[in-house]
């Protein structure tokens, strides 16, 4: 799932080499922290947060099929 999220975010930004996704566990849930270059933050979030919302929906759908819980956070 980490690879899927990395691929999605790298497809959206101008500087795909600066994308990093870290994974941590908390309370039985996997939290993915996404870091991008400063200029690419808006491309990942989108207008009114629409793009990041859809990324979260997609990741939760994939996780649900595997019986897991995930969340995606965009980190400065």
PDB file of N, CA and C in Angstrom:
ATOM      1  N   UNK A   1       0.816  -1.191   0.000  1.00  0.00           N
ATOM      2  CA  UNK A   1       0.000   0.000   0.000  1.00  0.00           C
ATOM      3  C   UNK A   1       0.861   1.256   0.000  1.00  0.00           C
ATOM      4  N   UNK A   2       2.019   1.173   0.617  1.00  0.00           N
ATOM      5  CA  UNK A   2       2.953   2.292   0.611  1.00  0.00           C
ATOM      6  C   UNK A   2       3.361   2.626  -0.823  1.00  0.00           C
ATOM      7  N   UNK A   3       3.613   1.600  -1.618  1.00  0.00           N
ATOM      8  CA  UNK A   3       4.021   1.812  -3.005  1.00  0.00           C
ATOM      9  C   UNK A   3       2.902   2.457  -3.822  1.00  0.00           C
ATOM     10  N   UNK A   4       1.662   2.048  -3.574  1.00  0.00           N
ATOM     11  CA  UNK A   4       0.519   2.625  -4.279  1.00  0.00           C
ATOM     12  C   UNK A   4       0.381   4.109  -3.962  1.00  0.00           C
ATOM     13  N   UNK A   5       0.460   4.453  -2.697  1.00  0.00           N
ATOM     14  CA  UNK A   5       0.346   5.852  -2.289  1.00  0.00           C
ATOM     15  C   UNK A   5       1.495   6.682  -2.864  1.00  0.00           C
ATOM     16  N   UNK A   6       2.689   6.150  -2.824  1.00  0.00           N
ATOM     17  CA  UNK A   6       3.843   6.860  -3.387  1.00  0.00           C
ATOM     18  C   UNK A   6       3.648   7.097  -4.874  1.00  0.00           C
ATOM     19  N   UNK A   7       3.189   6.095  -5.589  1.00  0.00           N
ATOM     20  CA  UNK A   7       2.950   6.225  -7.032  1.00  0.00           C
ATOM     21  C   UNK A   7       1.904   7.300  -7.331  1.00  0.00           C
ATOM     22  N   UNK A   8       0.816   7.305  -6.572  1.00  0.00           N
ATOM     23  CA  UNK A   8      -0.253   8.281  -6.793  1.00  0.00           C
ATOM     24  C   UNK A   8       0.271   9.695  -6.577  1.00  0.00           C
ATOM     25  N   UNK A   9       0.964   9.913  -5.465  1.00  0.00           N
ATOM     26  CA  UNK A   9       1.443  11.256  -5.146  1.00  0.00           C
ATOM     27  C   UNK A   9       2.510  11.700  -6.138  1.00  0.00           C
ATOM     28  N   UNK A  10       3.420  10.803  -6.514  1.00  0.00           N
ATOM     29  CA  UNK A  10       4.460  11.164  -7.480  1.00  0.00           C
ATOM     30  C   UNK A  10       3.864  11.527  -8.831  1.00  0.00           C
ATOM     31  N   UNK A  11       2.730  10.949  -9.175  1.00  0.00           N
ATOM     32  CA  UNK A  11       2.070  11.262 -10.447  1.00  0.00           C
ATOM     33  C   UNK A  11       1.466  12.666 -10.447  1.00  0.00           C
ATOM     34  N   UNK A  12       1.204  13.209  -9.273  1.00  0.00           N
ATOM     35  CA  UNK A  12       0.541  14.503  -9.169  1.00  0.00           C
ATOM     36  C   UNK A  12       1.504  15.695  -9.124  1.00  0.00           C
ATOM     37  N   UNK A  13       2.719  15.486  -8.643  1.00  0.00           N
ATOM     38  CA  UNK A  13       3.614  16.605  -8.340  1.00  0.00           C
ATOM     39  C   UNK A  13       4.619  16.876  -9.453  1.00  0.00           C
ATOM     40  N   UNK A  14       5.257  18.070  -9.380  1.00  0.00           N
ATOM     41  CA  UNK A  14       6.293  18.447 -10.335  1.00  0.00           C
ATOM     42  C   UNK A  14       7.647  17.839  -9.981  1.00  0.00           C
ATOM     43  N   UNK A  15       7.894  17.615  -8.692  1.00  0.00           N
ATOM     44  CA  UNK A  15       9.173  17.075  -8.222  1.00  0.00           C
ATOM     45  C   UNK A  15       8.952  15.720  -7.561  1.00  0.00           C
ATOM     46  N   UNK A  16       8.783  14.674  -8.351  1.00  0.00           N
ATOM     47  CA  UNK A  16       8.485  13.357  -7.760  1.00  0.00           C
ATOM     48  C   UNK A  16       9.629  12.782  -6.923  1.00  0.00           C
ATOM     49  N   UNK A  17      10.856  13.251  -7.141  1.00  0.00           N
ATOM     50  CA  UNK A  17      11.982  12.739  -6.355  1.00  0.00           C
ATOM     51  C   UNK A  17      11.920  13.191  -4.898  1.00  0.00           C
ATOM     52  N   UNK A  18      11.184  14.255  -4.627  1.00  0.00           N
ATOM     53  CA  UNK A  18      11.120  14.790  -3.274  1.00  0.00           C
ATOM     54  C   UNK A  18       9.921  14.266  -2.483  1.00  0.00           C
ATOM     55  N   UNK A  19       9.210  13.298  -3.030  1.00  0.00           N
ATOM     56  CA  UNK A  19       8.070  12.700  -2.330  1.00  0.00           C
ATOM     57  C   UNK A  19       8.590  11.616  -1.391  1.00  0.00           C
ATOM     58  N   UNK A  20       8.142  11.675  -0.141  1.00  0.00           N
ATOM     59  CA  UNK A  20       8.479  10.593   0.787  1.00  0.00           C
ATOM     60  C   UNK A  20       7.215  10.200   1.553  1.00  0.00           C
ATOM     61  N   UNK A  21       7.031   8.912   1.704  1.00  0.00           N
ATOM     62  CA  UNK A  21       5.884   8.377   2.438  1.00  0.00           C
ATOM     63  C   UNK A  21       6.423   7.515   3.561  1.00  0.00           C
ATOM     64  N   UNK A  22       6.088   7.878   4.792  1.00  0.00           N
ATOM     65  CA  UNK A  22       6.494   7.071   5.937  1.00  0.00           C
ATOM     66  C   UNK A  22       5.252   6.436   6.539  1.00  0.00           C
ATOM     67  N   UNK A  23       5.470   5.300   7.123  1.00  0.00           N
ATOM     68  CA  UNK A  23       4.366   4.492   7.648  1.00  0.00           C
ATOM     69  C   UNK A  23       4.581   4.284   9.138  1.00  0.00           C
ATOM     70  N   UNK A  24       3.540   4.525   9.925  1.00  0.00           N
ATOM     71  CA  UNK A  24       3.634   4.238  11.359  1.00  0.00           C
ATOM     72  C   UNK A  24       2.319   3.629  11.836  1.00  0.00           C
ATOM     73  N   UNK A  25       2.423   2.889  12.911  1.00  0.00           N
ATOM     74  CA  UNK A  25       1.248   2.209  13.461  1.00  0.00           C
ATOM     75  C   UNK A  25       0.823   2.908  14.741  1.00  0.00           C
ATOM     76  N   UNK A  26      -0.487   3.048  14.921  1.00  0.00           N
ATOM     77  CA  UNK A  26      -1.025   3.629  16.150  1.00  0.00           C
ATOM     78  C   UNK A  26      -2.433   3.093  16.373  1.00  0.00           C
ATOM     79  N   UNK A  27      -2.662   2.503  17.518  1.00  0.00           N
ATOM     80  CA  UNK A  27      -3.988   1.993  17.901  1.00  0.00           C
ATOM     81  C   UNK A  27      -4.586   1.064  16.848  1.00  0.00           C
ATOM     82  N   UNK A  28      -3.805   0.163  16.314  1.00  0.00           N
ATOM     83  CA  UNK A  28      -4.305  -0.794  15.335  1.00  0.00           C
ATOM     84  C   UNK A  28      -4.558  -0.206  13.964  1.00  0.00           C
ATOM     85  N   UNK A  29      -4.089   0.994  13.737  1.00  0.00           N
ATOM     86  CA  UNK A  29      -4.292   1.676  12.464  1.00  0.00           C
ATOM     87  C   UNK A  29      -2.931   2.038  11.874  1.00  0.00           C
ATOM     88  N   UNK A  30      -2.822   1.954  10.564  1.00  0.00           N
ATOM     89  CA  UNK A  30      -1.604   2.360   9.876  1.00  0.00           C
ATOM     90  C   UNK A  30      -1.789   3.787   9.385  1.00  0.00           C
ATOM     91  N   UNK A  31      -0.844   4.645   9.745  1.00  0.00           N
ATOM     92  CA  UNK A  31      -0.904   6.051   9.342  1.00  0.00           C
ATOM     93  C   UNK A  31       0.222   6.313   8.355  1.00  0.00           C
ATOM     94  N   UNK A  32      -0.142   6.791   7.173  1.00  0.00           N
ATOM     95  CA  UNK A  32       0.836   7.139   6.154  1.00  0.00           C
ATOM     96  C   UNK A  32       1.042   8.649   6.195  1.00  0.00           C
ATOM     97  N   UNK A  33       2.294   9.073   6.390  1.00  0.00           N
ATOM     98  CA  UNK A  33       2.636  10.494   6.396  1.00  0.00           C
ATOM     99  C   UNK A  33       3.310  10.825   5.070  1.00  0.00           C
ATOM    100  N   UNK A  34       2.727  11.744   4.333  1.00  0.00           N
ATOM    101  CA  UNK A  34       3.227  12.112   3.013  1.00  0.00           C
ATOM    102  C   UNK A  34       3.915  13.466   3.107  1.00  0.00           C
ATOM    103  N   UNK A  35       5.145  13.522   2.597  1.00  0.00           N
ATOM    104  CA  UNK A  35       5.887  14.779   2.523  1.00  0.00           C
ATOM    105  C   UNK A  35       6.223  15.053   1.067  1.00  0.00           C
ATOM    106  N   UNK A  36       5.995  16.314   0.639  1.00  0.00           N
ATOM    107  CA  UNK A  36       6.309  16.726  -0.727  1.00  0.00           C
ATOM    108  C   UNK A  36       7.058  18.051  -0.676  1.00  0.00           C
ATOM    109  N   UNK A  37       7.596  18.472  -1.822  1.00  0.00           N
ATOM    110  CA  UNK A  37       8.267  19.767  -1.911  1.00  0.00           C
ATOM    111  C   UNK A  37       7.254  20.875  -1.625  1.00  0.00           C
ATOM    112  N   UNK A  38       7.749  22.019  -1.151  1.00  0.00           N
ATOM    113  CA  UNK A  38       6.863  23.126  -0.773  1.00  0.00           C
ATOM    114  C   UNK A  38       5.942  23.555  -1.904  1.00  0.00           C
ATOM    115  N   UNK A  39       6.453  23.653  -3.107  1.00  0.00           N
ATOM    116  CA  UNK A  39       5.644  24.094  -4.235  1.00  0.00           C
ATOM    117  C   UNK A  39       4.609  23.085  -4.686  1.00  0.00           C
ATOM    118  N   UNK A  40       4.753  21.832  -4.276  1.00  0.00           N
ATOM    119  CA  UNK A  40       3.844  20.771  -4.708  1.00  0.00           C
ATOM    120  C   UNK A  40       2.716  20.501  -3.718  1.00  0.00           C
ATOM    121  N   UNK A  41       2.745  21.169  -2.580  1.00  0.00           N
ATOM    122  CA  UNK A  41       1.743  20.906  -1.541  1.00  0.00           C
ATOM    123  C   UNK A  41       0.324  21.148  -2.063  1.00  0.00           C
ATOM    124  N   UNK A  42       0.121  22.227  -2.794  1.00  0.00           N
ATOM    125  CA  UNK A  42      -1.202  22.544  -3.316  1.00  0.00           C
ATOM    126  C   UNK A  42      -1.711  21.537  -4.316  1.00  0.00           C
ATOM    127  N   UNK A  43      -0.804  20.928  -5.073  1.00  0.00           N
ATOM    128  CA  UNK A  43      -1.207  19.931  -6.071  1.00  0.00           C
ATOM    129  C   UNK A  43      -1.705  18.657  -5.410  1.00  0.00           C
ATOM    130  N   UNK A  44      -1.153  18.334  -4.259  1.00  0.00           N
ATOM    131  CA  UNK A  44      -1.581  17.123  -3.555  1.00  0.00           C
ATOM    132  C   UNK A  44      -2.883  17.376  -2.793  1.00  0.00           C
ATOM    133  N   UNK A  45      -3.030  18.569  -2.239  1.00  0.00           N
ATOM    134  CA  UNK A  45      -4.235  18.880  -1.472  1.00  0.00           C
ATOM    135  C   UNK A  45      -5.406  19.190  -2.395  1.00  0.00           C
ATOM    136  N   UNK A  46      -5.167  19.990  -3.421  1.00  0.00           N
ATOM    137  CA  UNK A  46      -6.228  20.329  -4.368  1.00  0.00           C
ATOM    138  C   UNK A  46      -7.139  21.426  -3.841  1.00  0.00           C
ATOM    139  N   UNK A  47      -8.029  21.880  -4.699  1.00  0.00           N
ATOM    140  CA  UNK A  47      -8.975  22.927  -4.294  1.00  0.00           C
ATOM    141  C   UNK A  47      -9.938  22.373  -3.257  1.00  0.00           C
ATOM    142  N   UNK A  48     -10.021  23.094  -2.159  1.00  0.00           N
ATOM    143  CA  UNK A  48     -10.883  22.722  -1.034  1.00  0.00           C
ATOM    144  C   UNK A  48     -10.605  21.303  -0.538  1.00  0.00           C
ATOM    145  N   UNK A  49      -9.380  20.819  -0.750  1.00  0.00           N
ATOM    146  CA  UNK A  49      -8.990  19.509  -0.244  1.00  0.00           C
ATOM    147  C   UNK A  49      -9.543  18.329  -1.007  1.00  0.00           C
ATOM    148  N   UNK A  50     -10.020  18.559  -2.215  1.00  0.00           N
ATOM    149  CA  UNK A  50     -10.678  17.481  -2.963  1.00  0.00           C
ATOM    150  C   UNK A  50      -9.723  16.348  -3.338  1.00  0.00           C
ATOM    151  N   UNK A  51      -8.519  16.677  -3.770  1.00  0.00           N
ATOM    152  CA  UNK A  51      -7.608  15.624  -4.222  1.00  0.00           C
ATOM    153  C   UNK A  51      -7.172  14.752  -3.051  1.00  0.00           C
ATOM    154  N   UNK A  52      -6.768  15.371  -1.953  1.00  0.00           N
ATOM    155  CA  UNK A  52      -6.339  14.574  -0.805  1.00  0.00           C
ATOM    156  C   UNK A  52      -7.508  13.760  -0.248  1.00  0.00           C
ATOM    157  N   UNK A  53      -8.711  14.282  -0.335  1.00  0.00           N
ATOM    158  CA  UNK A  53      -9.881  13.534   0.119  1.00  0.00           C
ATOM    159  C   UNK A  53     -10.066  12.270  -0.717  1.00  0.00           C
ATOM    160  N   UNK A  54      -9.902  12.396  -2.017  1.00  0.00           N
ATOM    161  CA  UNK A  54     -10.042  11.227  -2.898  1.00  0.00           C
ATOM    162  C   UNK A  54      -8.905  10.227  -2.695  1.00  0.00           C
ATOM    163  N   UNK A  55      -7.707  10.721  -2.419  1.00  0.00           N
ATOM    164  CA  UNK A  55      -6.588   9.814  -2.106  1.00  0.00           C
ATOM    165  C   UNK A  55      -6.925   9.020  -0.853  1.00  0.00           C
ATOM    166  N   UNK A  56      -7.473   9.694   0.151  1.00  0.00           N
ATOM    167  CA  UNK A  56      -7.849   9.006   1.394  1.00  0.00           C
ATOM    168  C   UNK A  56      -8.932   7.969   1.157  1.00  0.00           C
ATOM    169  N   UNK A  57      -9.923   8.303   0.332  1.00  0.00           N
ATOM    170  CA  UNK A  57     -10.997   7.357   0.024  1.00  0.00           C
ATOM    171  C   UNK A  57     -10.432   6.117  -0.665  1.00  0.00           C
ATOM    172  N   UNK A  58      -9.553   6.342  -1.625  1.00  0.00           N
ATOM    173  CA  UNK A  58      -8.952   5.226  -2.357  1.00  0.00           C
ATOM    174  C   UNK A  58      -8.133   4.330  -1.433  1.00  0.00           C
ATOM    175  N   UNK A  59      -7.312   4.931  -0.588  1.00  0.00           N
ATOM    176  CA  UNK A  59      -6.472   4.142   0.320  1.00  0.00           C
ATOM    177  C   UNK A  59      -7.320   3.375   1.336  1.00  0.00           C
ATOM    178  N   UNK A  60      -8.397   3.991   1.816  1.00  0.00           N
ATOM    179  CA  UNK A  60      -9.276   3.285   2.762  1.00  0.00           C
ATOM    180  C   UNK A  60      -9.989   2.124   2.090  1.00  0.00           C
ATOM    181  N   UNK A  61     -10.341   2.287   0.820  1.00  0.00           N
ATOM    182  CA  UNK A  61     -10.998   1.199   0.089  1.00  0.00           C
ATOM    183  C   UNK A  61     -10.051   0.017  -0.090  1.00  0.00           C
ATOM    184  N   UNK A  62      -8.806   0.305  -0.434  1.00  0.00           N
ATOM    185  CA  UNK A  62      -7.808  -0.765  -0.595  1.00  0.00           C
ATOM    186  C   UNK A  62      -7.563  -1.452   0.745  1.00  0.00           C
ATOM    187  N   UNK A  63      -7.454  -0.667   1.800  1.00  0.00           N
ATOM    188  CA  UNK A  63      -7.200  -1.231   3.130  1.00  0.00           C
ATOM    189  C   UNK A  63      -8.358  -2.084   3.608  1.00  0.00           C
ATOM    190  N   UNK A  64      -9.567  -1.654   3.316  1.00  0.00           N
ATOM    191  CA  UNK A  64     -10.744  -2.396   3.754  1.00  0.00           C
ATOM    192  C   UNK A  64     -10.792  -3.777   3.110  1.00  0.00           C
ATOM    193  N   UNK A  65     -10.367  -3.849   1.864  1.00  0.00           N
ATOM    194  CA  UNK A  65     -10.339  -5.156   1.193  1.00  0.00           C
ATOM    195  C   UNK A  65      -9.335  -6.092   1.838  1.00  0.00           C
ATOM    196  N   UNK A  66      -8.312  -5.511   2.488  1.00  0.00           N
ATOM    197  CA  UNK A  66      -7.295  -6.317   3.165  1.00  0.00           C
ATOM    198  C   UNK A  66      -7.582  -6.466   4.657  1.00  0.00           C
ATOM    199  N   UNK A  67      -8.686  -5.896   5.114  1.00  0.00           N
ATOM    200  CA  UNK A  67      -9.056  -6.003   6.517  1.00  0.00           C
ATOM    201  C   UNK A  67      -8.219  -5.121   7.432  1.00  0.00           C
ATOM    202  N   UNK A  68      -7.764  -3.988   6.941  1.00  0.00           N
ATOM    203  CA  UNK A  68      -6.927  -3.095   7.736  1.00  0.00           C
ATOM    204  C   UNK A  68      -7.571  -1.719   7.814  1.00  0.00           C
ATOM    205  N   UNK A  69      -7.051  -0.888   8.710  1.00  0.00           N
ATOM    206  CA  UNK A  69      -7.491   0.496   8.827  1.00  0.00           C
ATOM    207  C   UNK A  69      -6.297   1.388   8.527  1.00  0.00           C
ATOM    208  N   UNK A  70      -6.501   2.385   7.684  1.00  0.00           N
ATOM    209  CA  UNK A  70      -5.427   3.312   7.346  1.00  0.00           C
ATOM    210  C   UNK A  70      -5.938   4.745   7.360  1.00  0.00           C
ATOM    211  N   UNK A  71      -4.998   5.666   7.475  1.00  0.00           N
ATOM    212  CA  UNK A  71      -5.294   7.077   7.271  1.00  0.00           C
ATOM    213  C   UNK A  71      -4.081   7.705   6.602  1.00  0.00           C
ATOM    214  N   UNK A  72      -4.331   8.799   5.886  1.00  0.00           N
ATOM    215  CA  UNK A  72      -3.280   9.485   5.147  1.00  0.00           C
ATOM    216  C   UNK A  72      -3.193  10.908   5.666  1.00  0.00           C
ATOM    217  N   UNK A  73      -1.979  11.333   6.024  1.00  0.00           N
ATOM    218  CA  UNK A  73      -1.747  12.687   6.504  1.00  0.00           C
ATOM    219  C   UNK A  73      -0.723  13.361   5.610  1.00  0.00           C
ATOM    220  N   UNK A  74      -0.985  14.617   5.272  1.00  0.00           N
ATOM    221  CA  UNK A  74      -0.031  15.413   4.507  1.00  0.00           C
ATOM    222  C   UNK A  74       0.742  16.239   5.525  1.00  0.00           C
ATOM    223  N   UNK A  75       2.068  16.082   5.555  1.00  0.00           N
ATOM    224  CA  UNK A  75       2.909  16.710   6.564  1.00  0.00           C
ATOM    225  C   UNK A  75       3.755  17.795   5.913  1.00  0.00           C
ATOM    226  N   UNK A  76       3.885  18.936   6.611  1.00  0.00           N
ATOM    227  CA  UNK A  76       4.739  20.024   6.112  1.00  0.00           C
ATOM    228  C   UNK A  76       6.194  19.635   6.166  1.00  0.00           C
TER     229      UNK A  76
END
